């Protein structure tokens, strides 16, 4: 697996282990075992440090012609789906990581002045070649930009264990715009479960 860039490596190197912690109540018995919690240090996203995983796209003046700074999309494998995704409060902890092999995916937060977080790893296009802790990079993403992930980029979600996607603070739901394919969530989730396989949970910290 390729080595992350310097910025992503710095984020991964800042990971530290915590005491084991019980997951929330109400989960299945197999999920009630203690988890060893590892913290990942978040860094502010830039076009440069996110480049191995995708693109960071911001505002352009009206009339600007298409160029390499625009989102380079691949939606050729199906019907595109562009929608607003509302997620419940999920904190900054996750046990699963997934990738989509058939599509580039775009995500952006709609809440003003509210950053959100995304943990990613370089594409491997193999569930068996899932990212190890040192391969993970955690990013803090501001309002007013969106990310386009390359096909196959691993990305992580939060509690509950079945949740996959962005992470964020706050009490209420958080809205994201999401561009993928109409069947991405049905046919193109390729997932590794750190909790089930390794008794591990990962948590983003500032």
N, C-alpha and C. Protein backbone atom coordinates (compact mmCIF):
# COMPACT_ATOMS: atom_id res chain seq x y z
N UNK A 1 0.85 -1.20 0.00
CA UNK A 1 0.00 0.00 0.00
C UNK A 1 0.88 1.23 0.00
N UNK A 2 0.48 2.25 -0.73
CA UNK A 2 1.30 3.46 -0.84
C UNK A 2 1.36 4.19 0.48
N UNK A 3 2.46 4.89 0.73
CA UNK A 3 2.65 5.65 1.96
C UNK A 3 1.94 6.98 1.85
N UNK A 4 1.16 7.41 2.88
CA UNK A 4 0.47 8.69 2.82
C UNK A 4 1.45 9.83 2.70
N UNK A 5 0.99 11.03 2.20
CA UNK A 5 1.86 12.20 2.12
C UNK A 5 2.21 12.70 3.49
N UNK A 6 3.12 13.71 3.54
CA UNK A 6 3.64 14.17 4.82
C UNK A 6 2.54 14.63 5.75
N UNK A 7 1.59 15.40 5.23
CA UNK A 7 0.54 15.93 6.11
C UNK A 7 -0.33 14.82 6.66
N UNK A 8 -0.70 13.86 5.79
CA UNK A 8 -1.52 12.77 6.26
C UNK A 8 -0.74 11.89 7.22
N UNK A 9 0.55 11.70 6.96
CA UNK A 9 1.37 10.91 7.86
C UNK A 9 1.45 11.55 9.23
N UNK A 10 1.55 12.88 9.27
CA UNK A 10 1.59 13.57 10.55
C UNK A 10 0.31 13.36 11.32
N UNK A 11 -0.82 13.35 10.60
CA UNK A 11 -2.10 13.13 11.27
C UNK A 11 -2.17 11.73 11.84
N UNK A 12 -1.71 10.76 11.06
CA UNK A 12 -1.76 9.39 11.54
C UNK A 12 -0.79 9.16 12.68
N UNK A 13 0.38 9.81 12.61
CA UNK A 13 1.39 9.62 13.64
C UNK A 13 0.94 10.14 14.99
N UNK A 14 -0.05 11.05 14.98
CA UNK A 14 -0.52 11.64 16.23
C UNK A 14 -1.51 10.74 16.95
N UNK A 15 -1.85 9.60 16.36
CA UNK A 15 -2.82 8.70 16.98
C UNK A 15 -2.26 8.15 18.29
N UNK A 16 -3.12 8.11 19.32
CA UNK A 16 -2.73 7.57 20.61
C UNK A 16 -3.83 6.67 21.10
N UNK A 17 -3.47 5.68 21.89
CA UNK A 17 -4.45 4.74 22.39
C UNK A 17 -5.04 5.23 23.70
N UNK A 18 -6.34 4.88 23.91
CA UNK A 18 -7.04 5.19 25.15
C UNK A 18 -7.42 3.88 25.82
N UNK A 19 -8.08 4.01 26.98
CA UNK A 19 -8.57 2.84 27.68
C UNK A 19 -9.70 2.21 26.87
N UNK A 20 -9.93 0.90 27.06
CA UNK A 20 -11.07 0.27 26.41
C UNK A 20 -12.37 0.95 26.84
N UNK A 21 -13.35 0.96 25.97
CA UNK A 21 -14.61 1.62 26.26
C UNK A 21 -15.76 0.81 25.71
N UNK A 22 -16.87 0.76 26.45
CA UNK A 22 -18.05 0.05 26.01
C UNK A 22 -18.78 0.85 24.95
N UNK A 23 -19.29 0.20 23.88
CA UNK A 23 -20.14 0.91 22.94
C UNK A 23 -21.48 1.22 23.56
N UNK A 24 -22.29 2.09 22.93
CA UNK A 24 -23.60 2.44 23.49
C UNK A 24 -24.47 1.21 23.66
N UNK A 25 -25.44 1.29 24.60
CA UNK A 25 -26.35 0.19 24.83
C UNK A 25 -27.30 0.05 23.66
N UNK A 26 -27.97 -1.09 23.58
CA UNK A 26 -28.95 -1.30 22.54
C UNK A 26 -28.40 -1.97 21.30
N UNK A 27 -27.11 -2.28 21.26
CA UNK A 27 -26.55 -2.96 20.11
C UNK A 27 -26.64 -4.47 20.30
N UNK A 28 -26.31 -5.19 19.25
CA UNK A 28 -26.38 -6.64 19.29
C UNK A 28 -25.33 -7.19 20.26
N UNK A 29 -25.56 -8.39 20.82
CA UNK A 29 -24.61 -8.94 21.79
C UNK A 29 -23.18 -9.01 21.27
N UNK A 30 -23.00 -9.32 19.99
CA UNK A 30 -21.65 -9.42 19.45
C UNK A 30 -20.94 -8.09 19.45
N UNK A 31 -21.72 -7.00 19.55
CA UNK A 31 -21.13 -5.67 19.52
C UNK A 31 -20.94 -5.09 20.92
N UNK A 32 -21.26 -5.87 21.96
CA UNK A 32 -21.21 -5.38 23.32
C UNK A 32 -19.83 -5.54 23.94
N UNK A 33 -18.88 -6.16 23.24
CA UNK A 33 -17.56 -6.33 23.79
C UNK A 33 -16.86 -4.98 23.89
N UNK A 34 -15.90 -4.91 24.83
CA UNK A 34 -15.13 -3.69 24.98
C UNK A 34 -14.32 -3.41 23.73
N UNK A 35 -14.16 -2.12 23.45
CA UNK A 35 -13.36 -1.69 22.31
C UNK A 35 -12.11 -0.96 22.80
N UNK A 36 -11.00 -1.23 22.15
CA UNK A 36 -9.80 -0.44 22.36
C UNK A 36 -9.91 0.80 21.48
N UNK A 37 -9.87 1.98 22.09
CA UNK A 37 -10.10 3.23 21.36
C UNK A 37 -8.77 3.86 20.97
N UNK A 38 -8.62 4.17 19.70
CA UNK A 38 -7.45 4.85 19.18
C UNK A 38 -7.88 6.21 18.65
N UNK A 39 -7.15 7.24 19.03
CA UNK A 39 -7.47 8.60 18.61
C UNK A 39 -6.65 9.00 17.38
N UNK A 40 -7.31 9.70 16.46
CA UNK A 40 -6.67 10.22 15.25
C UNK A 40 -6.73 11.74 15.29
N UNK A 41 -5.59 12.37 15.14
CA UNK A 41 -5.51 13.83 15.18
C UNK A 41 -5.99 14.42 13.84
N UNK A 42 -7.00 15.28 13.90
CA UNK A 42 -7.52 15.92 12.68
C UNK A 42 -6.63 17.09 12.28
N UNK A 43 -6.51 17.31 10.98
CA UNK A 43 -5.81 18.46 10.43
C UNK A 43 -6.77 19.22 9.53
N UNK A 44 -6.54 20.52 9.37
CA UNK A 44 -7.35 21.31 8.44
C UNK A 44 -7.10 20.84 7.01
N UNK A 45 -8.16 20.66 6.27
CA UNK A 45 -8.03 20.17 4.91
C UNK A 45 -7.49 21.25 3.99
N UNK A 46 -6.63 20.86 3.05
CA UNK A 46 -6.17 21.73 1.97
C UNK A 46 -6.22 20.91 0.69
N UNK A 47 -6.15 21.60 -0.45
CA UNK A 47 -6.13 20.88 -1.72
C UNK A 47 -4.93 19.95 -1.80
N UNK A 48 -3.81 20.37 -1.21
CA UNK A 48 -2.58 19.60 -1.30
C UNK A 48 -2.63 18.35 -0.42
N UNK A 49 -3.04 18.50 0.84
CA UNK A 49 -2.98 17.32 1.70
C UNK A 49 -4.10 16.32 1.43
N UNK A 50 -5.16 16.77 0.73
CA UNK A 50 -6.25 15.85 0.40
C UNK A 50 -6.05 15.19 -0.97
N UNK A 51 -5.07 15.65 -1.75
CA UNK A 51 -4.90 15.21 -3.14
C UNK A 51 -4.78 13.69 -3.32
N UNK A 52 -4.13 12.94 -2.41
CA UNK A 52 -4.07 11.48 -2.63
C UNK A 52 -5.43 10.79 -2.55
N UNK A 53 -6.41 11.48 -1.97
CA UNK A 53 -7.71 10.87 -1.72
C UNK A 53 -8.82 11.44 -2.61
N UNK A 54 -8.59 12.63 -3.17
CA UNK A 54 -9.61 13.28 -3.98
C UNK A 54 -9.29 14.75 -4.17
N UNK A 55 -10.33 15.55 -4.28
CA UNK A 55 -10.17 16.98 -4.52
C UNK A 55 -10.94 17.78 -3.48
N UNK A 56 -10.40 18.95 -3.14
CA UNK A 56 -11.11 19.95 -2.36
C UNK A 56 -11.56 21.03 -3.33
N UNK A 57 -12.85 21.32 -3.36
CA UNK A 57 -13.41 22.25 -4.34
C UNK A 57 -14.12 23.38 -3.61
N UNK A 58 -13.76 24.62 -3.97
CA UNK A 58 -14.38 25.80 -3.37
C UNK A 58 -15.06 26.65 -4.42
N UNK A 59 -15.42 27.87 -4.02
CA UNK A 59 -16.17 28.76 -4.90
C UNK A 59 -15.28 29.33 -6.00
N UNK A 60 -15.88 29.53 -7.18
CA UNK A 60 -15.23 30.18 -8.31
C UNK A 60 -16.11 31.32 -8.80
N UNK A 61 -15.50 32.31 -9.41
CA UNK A 61 -16.27 33.39 -10.01
C UNK A 61 -17.12 32.85 -11.16
N UNK A 62 -18.31 33.41 -11.30
CA UNK A 62 -19.19 33.03 -12.39
C UNK A 62 -18.50 33.30 -13.73
N UNK A 63 -18.64 32.40 -14.67
CA UNK A 63 -18.02 32.56 -15.98
C UNK A 63 -16.69 31.86 -16.14
N UNK A 64 -16.13 31.37 -15.03
CA UNK A 64 -14.86 30.64 -15.13
C UNK A 64 -15.06 29.36 -15.93
N UNK A 65 -14.15 29.09 -16.84
CA UNK A 65 -14.23 27.89 -17.66
C UNK A 65 -13.77 26.66 -16.88
N UNK A 66 -14.27 25.52 -17.30
CA UNK A 66 -13.92 24.25 -16.67
C UNK A 66 -12.41 24.00 -16.79
N UNK A 67 -11.80 23.58 -15.68
CA UNK A 67 -10.39 23.22 -15.71
C UNK A 67 -10.12 22.15 -14.66
N UNK A 68 -8.83 21.89 -14.42
CA UNK A 68 -8.46 20.81 -13.52
C UNK A 68 -8.82 21.08 -12.07
N UNK A 69 -9.16 22.32 -11.72
CA UNK A 69 -9.56 22.63 -10.35
C UNK A 69 -11.02 22.27 -10.09
N UNK A 70 -11.80 22.08 -11.14
CA UNK A 70 -13.17 21.62 -10.97
C UNK A 70 -13.19 20.14 -10.61
N UNK A 71 -14.29 19.70 -10.01
CA UNK A 71 -14.41 18.29 -9.63
C UNK A 71 -14.35 17.41 -10.87
N UNK A 72 -13.41 16.49 -10.87
CA UNK A 72 -13.24 15.55 -11.98
C UNK A 72 -14.08 14.31 -11.64
N UNK A 73 -15.27 14.25 -12.22
CA UNK A 73 -16.26 13.26 -11.82
C UNK A 73 -16.25 12.05 -12.73
N UNK A 74 -16.58 10.90 -12.16
CA UNK A 74 -16.85 9.69 -12.94
C UNK A 74 -18.17 9.11 -12.44
N UNK A 75 -19.22 9.39 -13.19
CA UNK A 75 -20.57 8.91 -12.88
C UNK A 75 -21.06 7.97 -13.98
N UNK A 76 -20.13 7.37 -14.70
CA UNK A 76 -20.46 6.63 -15.91
C UNK A 76 -21.05 5.25 -15.66
N UNK A 77 -21.00 4.75 -14.43
CA UNK A 77 -21.43 3.38 -14.16
C UNK A 77 -22.90 3.27 -13.79
N UNK A 78 -23.65 4.36 -13.84
CA UNK A 78 -25.06 4.28 -13.48
C UNK A 78 -25.75 5.62 -13.52
N UNK A 79 -26.90 5.70 -12.88
CA UNK A 79 -27.70 6.92 -12.81
C UNK A 79 -27.18 7.80 -11.67
N UNK A 80 -26.71 9.01 -11.96
CA UNK A 80 -26.27 9.88 -10.87
C UNK A 80 -27.40 10.21 -9.90
N UNK A 81 -27.06 10.37 -8.65
CA UNK A 81 -28.01 10.78 -7.62
C UNK A 81 -27.39 11.93 -6.84
N UNK A 82 -28.06 13.10 -6.89
CA UNK A 82 -27.62 14.27 -6.13
C UNK A 82 -28.73 14.61 -5.15
N UNK A 83 -28.41 14.57 -3.85
CA UNK A 83 -29.46 14.74 -2.85
C UNK A 83 -28.87 15.33 -1.57
N UNK A 84 -29.76 15.79 -0.70
CA UNK A 84 -29.36 16.27 0.62
C UNK A 84 -29.54 15.13 1.61
N UNK A 85 -28.46 14.77 2.25
CA UNK A 85 -28.42 13.65 3.19
C UNK A 85 -28.47 14.21 4.61
N UNK A 86 -29.48 13.85 5.37
CA UNK A 86 -29.60 14.30 6.77
C UNK A 86 -29.15 13.19 7.70
N UNK A 87 -28.13 13.48 8.49
CA UNK A 87 -27.58 12.49 9.41
C UNK A 87 -27.88 12.88 10.85
N UNK A 88 -28.25 11.92 11.70
CA UNK A 88 -28.41 12.21 13.12
C UNK A 88 -27.06 12.44 13.76
N UNK A 89 -27.09 12.96 14.99
CA UNK A 89 -25.85 13.17 15.72
C UNK A 89 -25.12 11.84 15.86
N UNK A 90 -23.83 11.83 15.51
CA UNK A 90 -23.09 10.58 15.55
C UNK A 90 -21.72 10.71 16.20
N UNK A 91 -21.35 11.90 16.65
CA UNK A 91 -20.08 12.05 17.33
C UNK A 91 -18.90 11.88 16.39
N UNK A 92 -17.74 11.55 16.97
CA UNK A 92 -16.50 11.47 16.18
C UNK A 92 -15.87 10.09 16.21
N UNK A 93 -16.63 9.10 16.60
CA UNK A 93 -16.07 7.76 16.73
C UNK A 93 -16.66 6.84 15.67
N UNK A 94 -15.83 5.92 15.18
CA UNK A 94 -16.30 4.98 14.17
C UNK A 94 -15.60 3.65 14.33
N UNK A 95 -16.23 2.61 13.81
CA UNK A 95 -15.65 1.27 13.80
C UNK A 95 -15.55 0.69 12.40
N UNK A 96 -16.22 1.29 11.45
CA UNK A 96 -16.23 0.76 10.09
C UNK A 96 -15.67 1.78 9.11
N UNK A 97 -15.12 1.27 8.02
CA UNK A 97 -14.64 2.12 6.94
C UNK A 97 -15.04 1.44 5.63
N UNK A 98 -15.37 2.24 4.62
CA UNK A 98 -15.92 1.69 3.38
C UNK A 98 -15.32 2.38 2.17
N UNK A 99 -15.53 1.80 1.00
CA UNK A 99 -15.19 2.49 -0.24
C UNK A 99 -16.21 2.13 -1.32
N UNK A 100 -16.31 3.01 -2.32
CA UNK A 100 -17.18 2.80 -3.47
C UNK A 100 -16.29 2.64 -4.70
N UNK A 101 -16.37 1.49 -5.35
CA UNK A 101 -15.49 1.18 -6.47
C UNK A 101 -15.99 1.73 -7.80
N UNK A 102 -17.28 2.09 -7.88
CA UNK A 102 -17.89 2.41 -9.16
C UNK A 102 -18.08 3.90 -9.41
N UNK A 103 -17.76 4.75 -8.45
CA UNK A 103 -18.14 6.16 -8.60
C UNK A 103 -17.23 7.06 -7.77
N UNK A 104 -17.00 8.26 -8.28
CA UNK A 104 -16.47 9.33 -7.44
C UNK A 104 -17.62 9.84 -6.58
N UNK A 105 -17.33 10.24 -5.37
CA UNK A 105 -18.38 10.74 -4.47
C UNK A 105 -18.04 12.14 -4.01
N UNK A 106 -19.06 13.02 -3.99
CA UNK A 106 -18.89 14.38 -3.50
C UNK A 106 -19.72 14.58 -2.25
N UNK A 107 -19.12 15.21 -1.24
CA UNK A 107 -19.80 15.51 0.02
C UNK A 107 -19.49 16.94 0.43
N UNK A 108 -20.49 17.64 0.96
CA UNK A 108 -20.30 18.98 1.48
C UNK A 108 -21.31 19.27 2.57
N UNK A 109 -20.89 19.98 3.61
CA UNK A 109 -21.79 20.32 4.71
C UNK A 109 -22.59 21.57 4.42
N UNK A 110 -23.87 21.57 4.83
CA UNK A 110 -24.76 22.69 4.58
C UNK A 110 -24.89 23.65 5.76
N UNK A 111 -24.47 23.23 6.96
CA UNK A 111 -24.63 24.09 8.13
C UNK A 111 -23.56 25.18 8.14
N UNK A 112 -23.97 26.46 8.14
CA UNK A 112 -22.98 27.55 8.18
C UNK A 112 -22.15 27.50 9.46
N UNK A 113 -20.89 27.85 9.33
CA UNK A 113 -19.97 27.97 10.47
C UNK A 113 -19.81 26.68 11.25
N UNK A 114 -20.13 25.54 10.64
CA UNK A 114 -20.01 24.26 11.33
C UNK A 114 -19.06 23.34 10.55
N UNK A 115 -17.85 23.15 11.04
CA UNK A 115 -16.95 22.20 10.36
C UNK A 115 -17.41 20.77 10.57
N UNK A 116 -16.95 19.89 9.73
CA UNK A 116 -17.23 18.47 9.89
C UNK A 116 -15.93 17.71 9.62
N UNK A 117 -15.96 16.41 9.82
CA UNK A 117 -14.73 15.62 9.79
C UNK A 117 -14.89 14.41 8.87
N UNK A 118 -13.79 14.03 8.27
CA UNK A 118 -13.79 12.85 7.40
C UNK A 118 -12.45 12.15 7.57
N UNK A 119 -12.51 10.84 7.77
CA UNK A 119 -11.30 10.01 7.82
C UNK A 119 -11.22 9.23 6.51
N UNK A 120 -10.07 9.28 5.87
CA UNK A 120 -9.91 8.65 4.56
C UNK A 120 -8.60 7.87 4.50
N UNK A 121 -8.53 7.01 3.49
CA UNK A 121 -7.29 6.31 3.16
C UNK A 121 -7.27 6.10 1.65
N UNK A 122 -6.06 5.94 1.12
CA UNK A 122 -5.90 5.78 -0.32
C UNK A 122 -6.66 4.55 -0.84
N UNK A 123 -7.11 4.62 -2.09
CA UNK A 123 -7.80 3.47 -2.68
C UNK A 123 -6.90 2.23 -2.74
N UNK A 124 -7.49 1.09 -2.42
CA UNK A 124 -6.84 -0.20 -2.63
C UNK A 124 -7.69 -1.10 -3.52
N UNK A 125 -9.01 -0.79 -3.58
CA UNK A 125 -9.98 -1.57 -4.37
C UNK A 125 -9.99 -3.04 -3.96
N UNK A 126 -9.75 -3.27 -2.66
CA UNK A 126 -9.78 -4.62 -2.12
C UNK A 126 -10.15 -4.55 -0.65
N UNK A 127 -11.20 -5.27 -0.26
CA UNK A 127 -11.58 -5.32 1.15
C UNK A 127 -10.49 -5.99 1.97
N UNK A 128 -9.81 -6.96 1.37
CA UNK A 128 -8.72 -7.64 2.09
C UNK A 128 -7.56 -6.69 2.36
N UNK A 129 -7.35 -5.71 1.49
CA UNK A 129 -6.28 -4.72 1.68
C UNK A 129 -6.84 -3.48 2.36
N UNK A 130 -7.52 -3.69 3.48
CA UNK A 130 -8.13 -2.57 4.20
C UNK A 130 -7.03 -1.70 4.83
N UNK A 131 -7.32 -0.42 5.09
CA UNK A 131 -6.30 0.47 5.64
C UNK A 131 -5.98 0.15 7.10
N UNK A 132 -4.70 0.14 7.41
CA UNK A 132 -4.25 0.03 8.80
C UNK A 132 -4.23 1.43 9.42
N UNK A 133 -4.01 1.47 10.72
CA UNK A 133 -4.07 2.74 11.44
C UNK A 133 -3.16 3.79 10.82
N UNK A 134 -1.95 3.41 10.43
CA UNK A 134 -1.00 4.36 9.88
C UNK A 134 -1.40 4.88 8.51
N UNK A 135 -2.36 4.22 7.86
CA UNK A 135 -2.81 4.65 6.54
C UNK A 135 -3.92 5.68 6.61
N UNK A 136 -4.49 5.90 7.79
CA UNK A 136 -5.66 6.76 7.94
C UNK A 136 -5.26 8.22 8.13
N UNK A 137 -6.01 9.11 7.50
CA UNK A 137 -5.82 10.55 7.67
C UNK A 137 -7.16 11.19 8.01
N UNK A 138 -7.18 12.03 9.04
CA UNK A 138 -8.40 12.69 9.51
C UNK A 138 -8.36 14.16 9.14
N UNK A 139 -9.45 14.65 8.53
CA UNK A 139 -9.50 16.03 8.06
C UNK A 139 -10.67 16.78 8.68
N UNK A 140 -10.41 18.04 9.01
CA UNK A 140 -11.44 18.99 9.45
C UNK A 140 -11.82 19.82 8.23
N UNK A 141 -13.12 19.85 7.89
CA UNK A 141 -13.58 20.46 6.64
C UNK A 141 -14.55 21.59 6.96
N UNK A 142 -14.30 22.80 6.49
CA UNK A 142 -15.17 23.93 6.81
C UNK A 142 -16.41 23.97 5.92
N UNK A 143 -17.35 24.79 6.33
CA UNK A 143 -18.50 25.11 5.49
C UNK A 143 -18.01 25.90 4.28
N UNK A 144 -18.70 25.75 3.14
CA UNK A 144 -18.37 26.54 1.96
C UNK A 144 -17.50 25.84 0.94
N UNK A 145 -17.10 24.61 1.22
CA UNK A 145 -16.34 23.80 0.27
C UNK A 145 -16.95 22.40 0.24
N UNK A 146 -16.58 21.63 -0.77
CA UNK A 146 -16.95 20.22 -0.75
C UNK A 146 -15.74 19.38 -1.16
N UNK A 147 -15.82 18.10 -0.86
CA UNK A 147 -14.76 17.18 -1.25
C UNK A 147 -15.29 16.23 -2.31
N UNK A 148 -14.43 15.92 -3.26
CA UNK A 148 -14.70 14.85 -4.22
C UNK A 148 -13.70 13.75 -3.94
N UNK A 149 -14.20 12.57 -3.59
CA UNK A 149 -13.32 11.44 -3.34
C UNK A 149 -13.12 10.64 -4.62
N UNK A 150 -11.87 10.23 -4.85
CA UNK A 150 -11.58 9.35 -5.98
C UNK A 150 -12.38 8.06 -5.85
N UNK A 151 -12.61 7.40 -6.96
CA UNK A 151 -13.18 6.05 -6.89
C UNK A 151 -12.28 5.17 -6.03
N UNK A 152 -12.89 4.48 -5.08
CA UNK A 152 -12.14 3.56 -4.24
C UNK A 152 -11.56 4.16 -2.98
N UNK A 153 -11.65 5.48 -2.79
CA UNK A 153 -11.12 6.08 -1.56
C UNK A 153 -11.88 5.54 -0.35
N UNK A 154 -11.14 5.00 0.59
CA UNK A 154 -11.76 4.55 1.85
C UNK A 154 -12.22 5.77 2.64
N UNK A 155 -13.39 5.69 3.27
CA UNK A 155 -13.85 6.78 4.12
C UNK A 155 -14.67 6.22 5.27
N UNK A 156 -14.62 6.93 6.39
CA UNK A 156 -15.11 6.38 7.65
C UNK A 156 -16.33 7.13 8.14
N UNK A 157 -17.14 6.38 8.90
CA UNK A 157 -18.34 6.94 9.51
C UNK A 157 -18.30 6.83 11.01
N UNK A 158 -19.40 7.19 11.66
CA UNK A 158 -19.41 7.27 13.11
C UNK A 158 -20.44 6.36 13.75
N UNK A 159 -20.55 6.50 15.04
CA UNK A 159 -21.54 5.76 15.82
C UNK A 159 -22.92 6.16 15.33
N UNK A 160 -23.90 5.26 15.18
CA UNK A 160 -23.84 3.85 15.50
C UNK A 160 -22.96 3.08 14.54
N UNK A 161 -22.66 1.85 14.91
CA UNK A 161 -21.70 1.06 14.15
C UNK A 161 -22.11 0.93 12.69
N UNK A 162 -23.40 0.90 12.40
CA UNK A 162 -23.85 0.73 11.03
C UNK A 162 -23.74 2.02 10.23
N UNK A 163 -23.45 3.14 10.89
CA UNK A 163 -23.36 4.41 10.17
C UNK A 163 -22.04 4.54 9.43
N UNK A 164 -22.10 5.04 8.19
CA UNK A 164 -20.91 5.30 7.40
C UNK A 164 -21.07 6.66 6.75
N UNK A 165 -20.08 7.51 6.87
CA UNK A 165 -20.18 8.83 6.27
C UNK A 165 -19.49 9.88 7.11
N UNK A 166 -19.85 11.15 6.94
CA UNK A 166 -19.18 12.23 7.67
C UNK A 166 -19.41 12.16 9.17
N UNK A 167 -18.52 12.81 9.92
CA UNK A 167 -18.61 12.92 11.37
C UNK A 167 -18.71 14.39 11.73
N UNK A 168 -19.38 14.68 12.85
CA UNK A 168 -19.58 16.08 13.20
C UNK A 168 -19.97 16.20 14.66
N UNK A 169 -19.84 17.43 15.19
CA UNK A 169 -20.25 17.73 16.55
C UNK A 169 -21.68 18.28 16.55
N UNK A 170 -22.21 18.55 17.76
CA UNK A 170 -23.52 19.16 17.87
C UNK A 170 -24.58 18.16 18.28
N UNK A 171 -25.75 18.70 18.67
CA UNK A 171 -26.82 17.87 19.21
C UNK A 171 -27.81 17.40 18.15
N UNK A 172 -28.07 18.23 17.15
CA UNK A 172 -29.10 17.90 16.19
C UNK A 172 -28.57 17.24 14.94
N UNK A 173 -29.45 17.03 13.96
CA UNK A 173 -29.00 16.45 12.69
C UNK A 173 -28.14 17.43 11.91
N UNK A 174 -27.40 16.92 10.96
CA UNK A 174 -26.51 17.70 10.12
C UNK A 174 -26.81 17.33 8.67
N UNK A 175 -26.98 18.34 7.82
CA UNK A 175 -27.31 18.10 6.42
C UNK A 175 -26.08 18.20 5.54
N UNK A 176 -25.96 17.27 4.61
CA UNK A 176 -24.87 17.24 3.64
C UNK A 176 -25.46 17.08 2.25
N UNK A 177 -24.87 17.76 1.27
CA UNK A 177 -25.21 17.38 -0.09
C UNK A 177 -24.27 16.28 -0.53
N UNK A 178 -24.82 15.35 -1.30
CA UNK A 178 -24.13 14.10 -1.62
C UNK A 178 -24.37 13.77 -3.09
N UNK A 179 -23.30 13.57 -3.83
CA UNK A 179 -23.39 13.17 -5.24
C UNK A 179 -22.72 11.81 -5.39
N UNK A 180 -23.51 10.83 -5.79
CA UNK A 180 -23.01 9.48 -6.01
C UNK A 180 -23.89 8.85 -7.10
N UNK A 181 -24.08 7.54 -7.09
CA UNK A 181 -25.00 6.89 -8.01
C UNK A 181 -26.27 6.47 -7.28
N UNK A 182 -27.32 6.22 -8.05
CA UNK A 182 -28.60 5.90 -7.43
C UNK A 182 -28.56 4.62 -6.61
N UNK A 183 -27.66 3.70 -6.94
CA UNK A 183 -27.60 2.43 -6.21
C UNK A 183 -26.31 2.26 -5.40
N UNK A 184 -25.57 3.35 -5.19
CA UNK A 184 -24.30 3.23 -4.45
C UNK A 184 -24.50 2.60 -3.08
N UNK A 185 -25.54 3.04 -2.36
CA UNK A 185 -25.75 2.55 -1.01
C UNK A 185 -26.28 1.12 -0.97
N UNK A 186 -26.66 0.58 -2.13
CA UNK A 186 -27.22 -0.77 -2.19
C UNK A 186 -26.19 -1.77 -2.71
N UNK A 187 -25.44 -1.39 -3.75
CA UNK A 187 -24.60 -2.36 -4.45
C UNK A 187 -23.11 -2.09 -4.36
N UNK A 188 -22.70 -0.96 -3.79
CA UNK A 188 -21.28 -0.57 -3.88
C UNK A 188 -20.72 -0.12 -2.54
N UNK A 189 -21.09 -0.82 -1.47
CA UNK A 189 -20.46 -0.62 -0.17
C UNK A 189 -19.49 -1.77 0.07
N UNK A 190 -18.22 -1.45 0.16
CA UNK A 190 -17.17 -2.44 0.40
C UNK A 190 -16.51 -2.06 1.72
N UNK A 191 -16.77 -2.82 2.76
CA UNK A 191 -16.57 -2.35 4.13
C UNK A 191 -15.66 -3.27 4.93
N UNK A 192 -14.81 -2.63 5.75
CA UNK A 192 -14.05 -3.35 6.78
C UNK A 192 -14.55 -2.89 8.14
N UNK A 193 -14.75 -3.85 9.04
CA UNK A 193 -15.25 -3.57 10.39
C UNK A 193 -14.11 -3.77 11.39
N UNK A 194 -13.52 -2.65 11.85
CA UNK A 194 -12.43 -2.72 12.83
C UNK A 194 -12.92 -3.29 14.15
N UNK A 195 -14.14 -2.96 14.53
CA UNK A 195 -14.67 -3.43 15.80
C UNK A 195 -14.81 -4.94 15.83
N UNK A 196 -15.40 -5.48 14.79
CA UNK A 196 -15.62 -6.92 14.74
C UNK A 196 -14.32 -7.68 14.54
N UNK A 197 -13.45 -7.17 13.68
CA UNK A 197 -12.23 -7.90 13.35
C UNK A 197 -11.13 -7.75 14.39
N UNK A 198 -11.06 -6.56 15.01
CA UNK A 198 -9.92 -6.26 15.87
C UNK A 198 -10.31 -5.73 17.25
N UNK A 199 -11.61 -5.61 17.53
CA UNK A 199 -12.03 -5.02 18.80
C UNK A 199 -11.60 -3.58 18.94
N UNK A 200 -11.60 -2.85 17.82
CA UNK A 200 -11.02 -1.51 17.76
C UNK A 200 -12.08 -0.48 17.39
N UNK A 201 -12.03 0.66 18.05
CA UNK A 201 -12.80 1.85 17.66
C UNK A 201 -11.81 2.99 17.47
N UNK A 202 -12.11 3.87 16.52
CA UNK A 202 -11.25 5.02 16.25
C UNK A 202 -12.03 6.30 16.47
N UNK A 203 -11.34 7.32 16.97
CA UNK A 203 -12.00 8.57 17.34
C UNK A 203 -11.16 9.76 16.87
N UNK A 204 -11.82 10.73 16.26
CA UNK A 204 -11.15 11.94 15.80
C UNK A 204 -11.05 12.94 16.95
N UNK A 205 -9.87 13.55 17.10
CA UNK A 205 -9.67 14.61 18.09
C UNK A 205 -9.06 15.81 17.39
N UNK A 206 -9.31 17.01 17.96
CA UNK A 206 -8.70 18.24 17.45
C UNK A 206 -7.30 18.40 18.02
